[in-house]
Amino acid sequence: MITVQGVKLDDHEINTYFQDLSYGWTQICESCRSKFSEHGIDHNSGHGICGVFGCENDSNHYLDFDKSEVADDQQRIMSYQLELFQTVHCLTCDGVFTENIDQFTIIEKCPYCGNADKQQTVYLEDES
């Protein structure tokens, strides 16, 4: 559970690819929409159950949120969780893919070109 803009969420996703525009997202219902600022709401596109803690309504919208909108103590926890994902750059084809080291899903070869030489791959670091 995290707190975004002062509201507890029990269902959310943290983006793990550096190309993503937002830090994370959840889906929210019409009743909970007023709890959040309008700038991150993607209207009439949410599917599933509202991600606000204690709400079981069907969602109508997606809410994208930035790292700055997450409570500080939870940012530390989520930063640790993000460290469990490693972004790999294949030097053979210039492809980029993600490994989840917590789940031991080490990719044995590049999914784009089939390169299996670990000397021809590097781990990328987050710029933050």
N, C-alpha and C. Protein backbone atom coordinates (compact mmCIF):
# COMPACT_ATOMS: atom_id res chain seq x y z
N MET A 1 0.85 -1.17 0.00
CA MET A 1 0.00 0.00 0.00
C MET A 1 0.90 1.24 0.00
N ILE A 2 0.52 2.21 -0.81
CA ILE A 2 1.26 3.48 -0.87
C ILE A 2 0.28 4.64 -0.68
N THR A 3 0.82 5.81 -0.43
CA THR A 3 0.02 7.03 -0.33
C THR A 3 0.45 7.98 -1.43
N VAL A 4 -0.51 8.37 -2.28
CA VAL A 4 -0.26 9.29 -3.39
C VAL A 4 -1.18 10.49 -3.21
N GLN A 5 -0.61 11.67 -3.22
CA GLN A 5 -1.37 12.91 -3.02
C GLN A 5 -2.22 12.83 -1.75
N GLY A 6 -1.71 12.15 -0.72
CA GLY A 6 -2.39 12.04 0.56
C GLY A 6 -3.47 10.98 0.61
N VAL A 7 -3.65 10.19 -0.45
CA VAL A 7 -4.69 9.16 -0.52
C VAL A 7 -4.03 7.79 -0.57
N LYS A 8 -4.49 6.87 0.29
CA LYS A 8 -3.93 5.52 0.30
C LYS A 8 -4.45 4.71 -0.88
N LEU A 9 -3.52 4.01 -1.54
CA LEU A 9 -3.86 3.14 -2.65
C LEU A 9 -3.51 1.70 -2.28
N ASP A 10 -4.43 0.78 -2.53
CA ASP A 10 -4.12 -0.63 -2.28
C ASP A 10 -3.91 -1.40 -3.58
N ASP A 11 -4.01 -0.71 -4.71
CA ASP A 11 -3.78 -1.33 -6.01
C ASP A 11 -3.12 -0.30 -6.90
N HIS A 12 -1.87 -0.54 -7.30
CA HIS A 12 -1.12 0.40 -8.12
C HIS A 12 0.00 -0.34 -8.83
N GLU A 13 0.60 0.31 -9.80
CA GLU A 13 1.76 -0.23 -10.50
C GLU A 13 2.84 0.84 -10.53
N ILE A 14 4.08 0.42 -10.34
CA ILE A 14 5.23 1.31 -10.48
C ILE A 14 5.89 0.97 -11.82
N ASN A 15 6.10 1.97 -12.64
CA ASN A 15 6.70 1.75 -13.95
C ASN A 15 8.17 1.37 -13.80
N THR A 16 8.58 0.33 -14.52
CA THR A 16 9.94 -0.17 -14.39
C THR A 16 10.81 0.13 -15.62
N TYR A 17 10.24 0.68 -16.65
CA TYR A 17 11.02 1.00 -17.84
C TYR A 17 11.30 2.49 -17.86
N PHE A 18 12.53 2.86 -18.13
CA PHE A 18 12.90 4.26 -18.07
C PHE A 18 12.21 5.09 -19.14
N GLN A 19 11.62 4.46 -20.15
CA GLN A 19 10.93 5.20 -21.19
C GLN A 19 9.55 5.69 -20.74
N ASP A 20 9.00 5.11 -19.65
CA ASP A 20 7.68 5.51 -19.18
C ASP A 20 7.69 6.97 -18.75
N LEU A 21 6.59 7.66 -19.01
CA LEU A 21 6.50 9.08 -18.73
C LEU A 21 6.17 9.36 -17.26
N SER A 22 5.50 8.44 -16.58
CA SER A 22 5.15 8.66 -15.18
C SER A 22 5.86 7.64 -14.30
N TYR A 23 5.88 7.93 -13.01
CA TYR A 23 6.50 7.03 -12.03
C TYR A 23 5.63 5.81 -11.78
N GLY A 24 4.32 6.03 -11.74
CA GLY A 24 3.41 4.92 -11.49
C GLY A 24 1.99 5.27 -11.89
N TRP A 25 1.08 4.30 -11.71
CA TRP A 25 -0.31 4.54 -12.09
C TRP A 25 -1.23 3.64 -11.28
N THR A 26 -2.48 4.02 -11.25
CA THR A 26 -3.55 3.22 -10.67
C THR A 26 -4.82 3.52 -11.46
N GLN A 27 -5.87 2.80 -11.18
CA GLN A 27 -7.15 3.10 -11.78
C GLN A 27 -8.07 3.62 -10.67
N ILE A 28 -8.92 4.60 -11.01
CA ILE A 28 -9.79 5.20 -10.00
C ILE A 28 -11.22 5.29 -10.53
N CYS A 29 -12.18 5.32 -9.61
CA CYS A 29 -13.58 5.44 -9.98
C CYS A 29 -13.99 6.91 -10.01
N GLU A 30 -15.17 7.17 -10.50
CA GLU A 30 -15.68 8.53 -10.57
C GLU A 30 -15.82 9.15 -9.18
N SER A 31 -16.23 8.36 -8.20
CA SER A 31 -16.42 8.87 -6.84
C SER A 31 -15.11 9.32 -6.21
N CYS A 32 -14.01 8.64 -6.52
CA CYS A 32 -12.70 8.96 -5.91
C CYS A 32 -11.91 9.97 -6.73
N ARG A 33 -12.37 10.29 -7.92
CA ARG A 33 -11.63 11.20 -8.80
C ARG A 33 -11.34 12.54 -8.14
N SER A 34 -12.28 13.07 -7.36
CA SER A 34 -12.11 14.40 -6.76
C SER A 34 -11.02 14.43 -5.68
N LYS A 35 -10.52 13.26 -5.26
CA LYS A 35 -9.46 13.20 -4.25
C LYS A 35 -8.09 13.53 -4.83
N PHE A 36 -7.99 13.60 -6.16
CA PHE A 36 -6.71 13.78 -6.83
C PHE A 36 -6.72 15.03 -7.70
N SER A 37 -5.53 15.59 -7.94
CA SER A 37 -5.44 16.71 -8.87
C SER A 37 -5.73 16.20 -10.28
N GLU A 38 -6.25 17.06 -11.10
CA GLU A 38 -6.69 16.66 -12.45
C GLU A 38 -5.55 16.36 -13.42
N HIS A 39 -4.35 16.88 -13.13
CA HIS A 39 -3.29 16.80 -14.15
C HIS A 39 -2.87 15.38 -14.51
N GLY A 40 -3.04 14.42 -13.62
CA GLY A 40 -2.61 13.05 -13.92
C GLY A 40 -3.72 12.10 -14.30
N ILE A 41 -4.94 12.61 -14.43
CA ILE A 41 -6.08 11.73 -14.70
C ILE A 41 -6.28 11.56 -16.20
N ASP A 42 -6.36 10.30 -16.61
CA ASP A 42 -6.66 9.93 -17.99
C ASP A 42 -8.14 9.52 -17.98
N HIS A 43 -8.99 10.44 -18.36
CA HIS A 43 -10.44 10.27 -18.22
C HIS A 43 -11.00 9.16 -19.11
N ASN A 44 -11.99 8.46 -18.56
CA ASN A 44 -12.77 7.45 -19.28
C ASN A 44 -11.92 6.36 -19.91
N SER A 45 -10.89 5.92 -19.19
CA SER A 45 -10.04 4.88 -19.76
C SER A 45 -9.71 3.75 -18.79
N GLY A 46 -10.07 3.88 -17.52
CA GLY A 46 -9.72 2.86 -16.54
C GLY A 46 -10.60 1.62 -16.62
N HIS A 47 -10.01 0.49 -16.33
CA HIS A 47 -10.75 -0.78 -16.33
C HIS A 47 -10.33 -1.56 -15.10
N GLY A 48 -11.29 -2.11 -14.39
CA GLY A 48 -10.98 -2.88 -13.20
C GLY A 48 -11.62 -2.26 -11.97
N ILE A 49 -11.06 -2.53 -10.81
CA ILE A 49 -11.57 -2.03 -9.54
C ILE A 49 -10.75 -0.80 -9.14
N CYS A 50 -11.39 0.17 -8.54
CA CYS A 50 -10.72 1.39 -8.08
C CYS A 50 -9.55 1.02 -7.17
N GLY A 51 -8.41 1.70 -7.34
CA GLY A 51 -7.22 1.43 -6.56
C GLY A 51 -7.15 2.14 -5.23
N VAL A 52 -8.15 2.96 -4.89
CA VAL A 52 -8.17 3.67 -3.62
C VAL A 52 -8.52 2.69 -2.51
N PHE A 53 -7.75 2.73 -1.42
CA PHE A 53 -7.95 1.82 -0.29
C PHE A 53 -9.39 1.91 0.21
N GLY A 54 -10.04 0.76 0.33
CA GLY A 54 -11.40 0.68 0.85
C GLY A 54 -12.49 0.87 -0.19
N CYS A 55 -12.15 1.23 -1.41
CA CYS A 55 -13.15 1.43 -2.47
C CYS A 55 -13.18 0.20 -3.36
N GLU A 56 -14.34 -0.30 -3.63
CA GLU A 56 -14.49 -1.48 -4.49
C GLU A 56 -15.28 -1.17 -5.75
N ASN A 57 -15.45 0.11 -6.07
CA ASN A 57 -16.20 0.51 -7.27
C ASN A 57 -15.43 0.14 -8.54
N ASP A 58 -16.16 -0.03 -9.63
CA ASP A 58 -15.52 -0.19 -10.93
C ASP A 58 -14.82 1.12 -11.28
N SER A 59 -13.65 1.02 -11.87
CA SER A 59 -12.89 2.24 -12.21
C SER A 59 -13.34 2.80 -13.56
N ASN A 60 -13.19 4.11 -13.68
CA ASN A 60 -13.52 4.81 -14.92
C ASN A 60 -12.31 5.49 -15.54
N HIS A 61 -11.28 5.72 -14.72
CA HIS A 61 -10.14 6.53 -15.16
C HIS A 61 -8.83 5.88 -14.70
N TYR A 62 -7.76 6.25 -15.38
CA TYR A 62 -6.42 5.94 -14.91
C TYR A 62 -5.83 7.20 -14.27
N LEU A 63 -4.99 7.01 -13.27
CA LEU A 63 -4.28 8.11 -12.64
C LEU A 63 -2.79 7.83 -12.73
N ASP A 64 -2.07 8.69 -13.45
CA ASP A 64 -0.61 8.62 -13.49
C ASP A 64 -0.09 9.52 -12.38
N PHE A 65 0.95 9.07 -11.67
CA PHE A 65 1.51 9.91 -10.62
C PHE A 65 3.03 9.93 -10.71
N ASP A 66 3.58 11.05 -10.26
CA ASP A 66 5.03 11.24 -10.25
C ASP A 66 5.60 10.79 -8.92
N LYS A 67 6.90 10.58 -8.89
CA LYS A 67 7.58 10.16 -7.66
C LYS A 67 7.38 11.18 -6.55
N SER A 68 7.31 12.46 -6.91
CA SER A 68 7.15 13.52 -5.91
C SER A 68 5.79 13.48 -5.22
N GLU A 69 4.82 12.76 -5.79
CA GLU A 69 3.48 12.69 -5.22
C GLU A 69 3.31 11.52 -4.25
N VAL A 70 4.35 10.71 -4.10
CA VAL A 70 4.31 9.55 -3.21
C VAL A 70 4.94 9.94 -1.87
N ALA A 71 4.33 9.51 -0.78
CA ALA A 71 4.86 9.83 0.56
C ALA A 71 6.32 9.39 0.67
N ASP A 72 7.16 10.19 1.34
CA ASP A 72 8.61 9.97 1.40
C ASP A 72 9.01 8.58 1.88
N ASP A 73 8.42 8.07 2.95
CA ASP A 73 8.81 6.76 3.46
C ASP A 73 8.51 5.67 2.44
N GLN A 74 7.45 5.85 1.70
CA GLN A 74 7.10 4.85 0.69
C GLN A 74 7.99 4.96 -0.53
N GLN A 75 8.52 6.15 -0.81
CA GLN A 75 9.45 6.29 -1.93
C GLN A 75 10.69 5.44 -1.69
N ARG A 76 11.16 5.39 -0.46
CA ARG A 76 12.34 4.58 -0.16
C ARG A 76 12.05 3.10 -0.39
N ILE A 77 10.89 2.64 0.02
CA ILE A 77 10.52 1.23 -0.18
C ILE A 77 10.40 0.94 -1.67
N MET A 78 9.73 1.82 -2.40
CA MET A 78 9.53 1.58 -3.82
C MET A 78 10.84 1.70 -4.59
N SER A 79 11.74 2.57 -4.16
CA SER A 79 13.05 2.66 -4.81
C SER A 79 13.80 1.34 -4.65
N TYR A 80 13.70 0.74 -3.46
CA TYR A 80 14.32 -0.56 -3.25
C TYR A 80 13.70 -1.60 -4.18
N GLN A 81 12.36 -1.58 -4.31
CA GLN A 81 11.70 -2.53 -5.18
C GLN A 81 12.15 -2.35 -6.62
N LEU A 82 12.34 -1.11 -7.05
CA LEU A 82 12.79 -0.86 -8.41
C LEU A 82 14.21 -1.35 -8.63
N GLU A 83 15.03 -1.38 -7.56
CA GLU A 83 16.38 -1.89 -7.69
C GLU A 83 16.39 -3.38 -8.02
N LEU A 84 15.27 -4.05 -7.79
CA LEU A 84 15.17 -5.47 -8.11
C LEU A 84 15.06 -5.69 -9.62
N PHE A 85 14.80 -4.62 -10.36
CA PHE A 85 14.74 -4.70 -11.81
C PHE A 85 16.03 -4.12 -12.37
N GLN A 86 16.64 -4.84 -13.27
CA GLN A 86 17.87 -4.37 -13.90
C GLN A 86 17.61 -4.19 -15.39
N THR A 87 17.96 -3.04 -15.91
CA THR A 87 17.84 -2.78 -17.34
C THR A 87 19.14 -3.19 -18.00
N VAL A 88 19.01 -4.01 -19.03
CA VAL A 88 20.17 -4.57 -19.72
C VAL A 88 20.24 -4.00 -21.14
N HIS A 89 21.44 -3.61 -21.55
CA HIS A 89 21.67 -3.10 -22.89
C HIS A 89 22.54 -4.10 -23.64
N CYS A 90 22.03 -4.61 -24.76
CA CYS A 90 22.79 -5.54 -25.60
C CYS A 90 23.70 -4.71 -26.51
N LEU A 91 24.99 -4.96 -26.43
CA LEU A 91 25.95 -4.21 -27.25
C LEU A 91 26.00 -4.71 -28.69
N THR A 92 25.46 -5.90 -28.92
CA THR A 92 25.47 -6.46 -30.27
C THR A 92 24.44 -5.79 -31.17
N CYS A 93 23.19 -5.65 -30.64
CA CYS A 93 22.12 -5.09 -31.48
C CYS A 93 21.58 -3.75 -30.97
N ASP A 94 22.08 -3.27 -29.82
CA ASP A 94 21.64 -2.03 -29.20
C ASP A 94 20.25 -2.15 -28.58
N GLY A 95 19.77 -3.38 -28.38
CA GLY A 95 18.47 -3.60 -27.74
C GLY A 95 18.55 -3.40 -26.24
N VAL A 96 17.41 -3.04 -25.63
CA VAL A 96 17.31 -2.83 -24.19
C VAL A 96 16.17 -3.70 -23.66
N PHE A 97 16.44 -4.45 -22.57
CA PHE A 97 15.41 -5.28 -21.97
C PHE A 97 15.62 -5.31 -20.46
N THR A 98 14.63 -5.85 -19.72
CA THR A 98 14.63 -5.81 -18.27
C THR A 98 14.71 -7.20 -17.67
N GLU A 99 15.52 -7.33 -16.62
CA GLU A 99 15.58 -8.56 -15.82
C GLU A 99 15.02 -8.26 -14.44
N ASN A 100 14.30 -9.19 -13.85
CA ASN A 100 13.80 -9.06 -12.48
C ASN A 100 14.65 -9.95 -11.60
N ILE A 101 15.63 -9.37 -10.90
CA ILE A 101 16.56 -10.19 -10.12
C ILE A 101 15.92 -10.78 -8.88
N ASP A 102 14.81 -10.18 -8.39
CA ASP A 102 14.11 -10.73 -7.24
C ASP A 102 13.43 -12.05 -7.59
N GLN A 103 12.94 -12.15 -8.81
CA GLN A 103 12.27 -13.36 -9.27
C GLN A 103 13.24 -14.32 -9.97
N PHE A 104 14.51 -13.98 -9.97
CA PHE A 104 15.55 -14.79 -10.61
C PHE A 104 15.25 -15.02 -12.09
N THR A 105 14.67 -14.03 -12.73
CA THR A 105 14.40 -14.14 -14.16
C THR A 105 15.53 -13.47 -14.93
N ILE A 106 16.68 -14.09 -14.86
CA ILE A 106 17.84 -13.60 -15.59
C ILE A 106 17.68 -14.04 -17.05
N ILE A 107 17.73 -13.09 -17.94
CA ILE A 107 17.57 -13.38 -19.36
C ILE A 107 18.90 -13.94 -19.87
N GLU A 108 18.86 -15.15 -20.39
CA GLU A 108 20.08 -15.82 -20.85
C GLU A 108 20.60 -15.32 -22.18
N LYS A 109 19.70 -14.77 -23.00
CA LYS A 109 20.14 -14.22 -24.29
C LYS A 109 19.24 -13.06 -24.66
N CYS A 110 19.75 -12.17 -25.45
CA CYS A 110 19.00 -10.98 -25.87
C CYS A 110 17.74 -11.41 -26.62
N PRO A 111 16.58 -10.91 -26.21
CA PRO A 111 15.34 -11.29 -26.88
C PRO A 111 15.22 -10.72 -28.30
N TYR A 112 16.10 -9.78 -28.65
CA TYR A 112 16.02 -9.16 -29.97
C TYR A 112 16.94 -9.83 -31.00
N CYS A 113 18.17 -10.14 -30.60
CA CYS A 113 19.11 -10.68 -31.58
C CYS A 113 19.63 -12.07 -31.22
N GLY A 114 19.32 -12.55 -30.01
CA GLY A 114 19.77 -13.88 -29.60
C GLY A 114 21.17 -13.93 -29.03
N ASN A 115 21.81 -12.77 -28.84
CA ASN A 115 23.16 -12.72 -28.27
C ASN A 115 23.16 -13.34 -26.88
N ALA A 116 24.00 -14.37 -26.66
CA ALA A 116 24.10 -15.03 -25.36
C ALA A 116 25.42 -14.72 -24.66
N ASP A 117 26.27 -13.88 -25.27
CA ASP A 117 27.57 -13.53 -24.71
C ASP A 117 27.39 -12.43 -23.67
N LYS A 118 27.53 -12.76 -22.39
CA LYS A 118 27.35 -11.79 -21.31
C LYS A 118 28.39 -10.67 -21.38
N GLN A 119 29.51 -10.90 -22.05
CA GLN A 119 30.51 -9.85 -22.22
C GLN A 119 30.06 -8.79 -23.22
N GLN A 120 28.99 -9.09 -23.95
CA GLN A 120 28.45 -8.14 -24.93
C GLN A 120 27.15 -7.50 -24.44
N THR A 121 26.95 -7.50 -23.10
CA THR A 121 25.80 -6.81 -22.49
C THR A 121 26.29 -6.00 -21.31
N VAL A 122 25.58 -4.93 -20.99
CA VAL A 122 25.90 -4.12 -19.83
C VAL A 122 24.60 -3.77 -19.10
N TYR A 123 24.69 -3.60 -17.77
CA TYR A 123 23.56 -3.14 -17.00
C TYR A 123 23.55 -1.62 -17.02
N LEU A 124 22.38 -1.04 -17.27
CA LEU A 124 22.24 0.41 -17.27
C LEU A 124 21.84 0.87 -15.88
N GLU A 125 22.28 2.04 -15.49
CA GLU A 125 21.93 2.61 -14.19
C GLU A 125 20.92 3.71 -14.39
N ASP A 126 20.03 3.88 -13.40
CA ASP A 126 19.06 4.95 -13.40
C ASP A 126 19.80 6.27 -13.24
N GLU A 127 19.34 7.32 -13.90
CA GLU A 127 20.01 8.62 -13.83
C GLU A 127 19.76 9.35 -12.53
N SER A 128 18.79 8.92 -11.73
CA SER A 128 18.48 9.66 -10.49
C SER A 128 19.45 9.41 -9.38
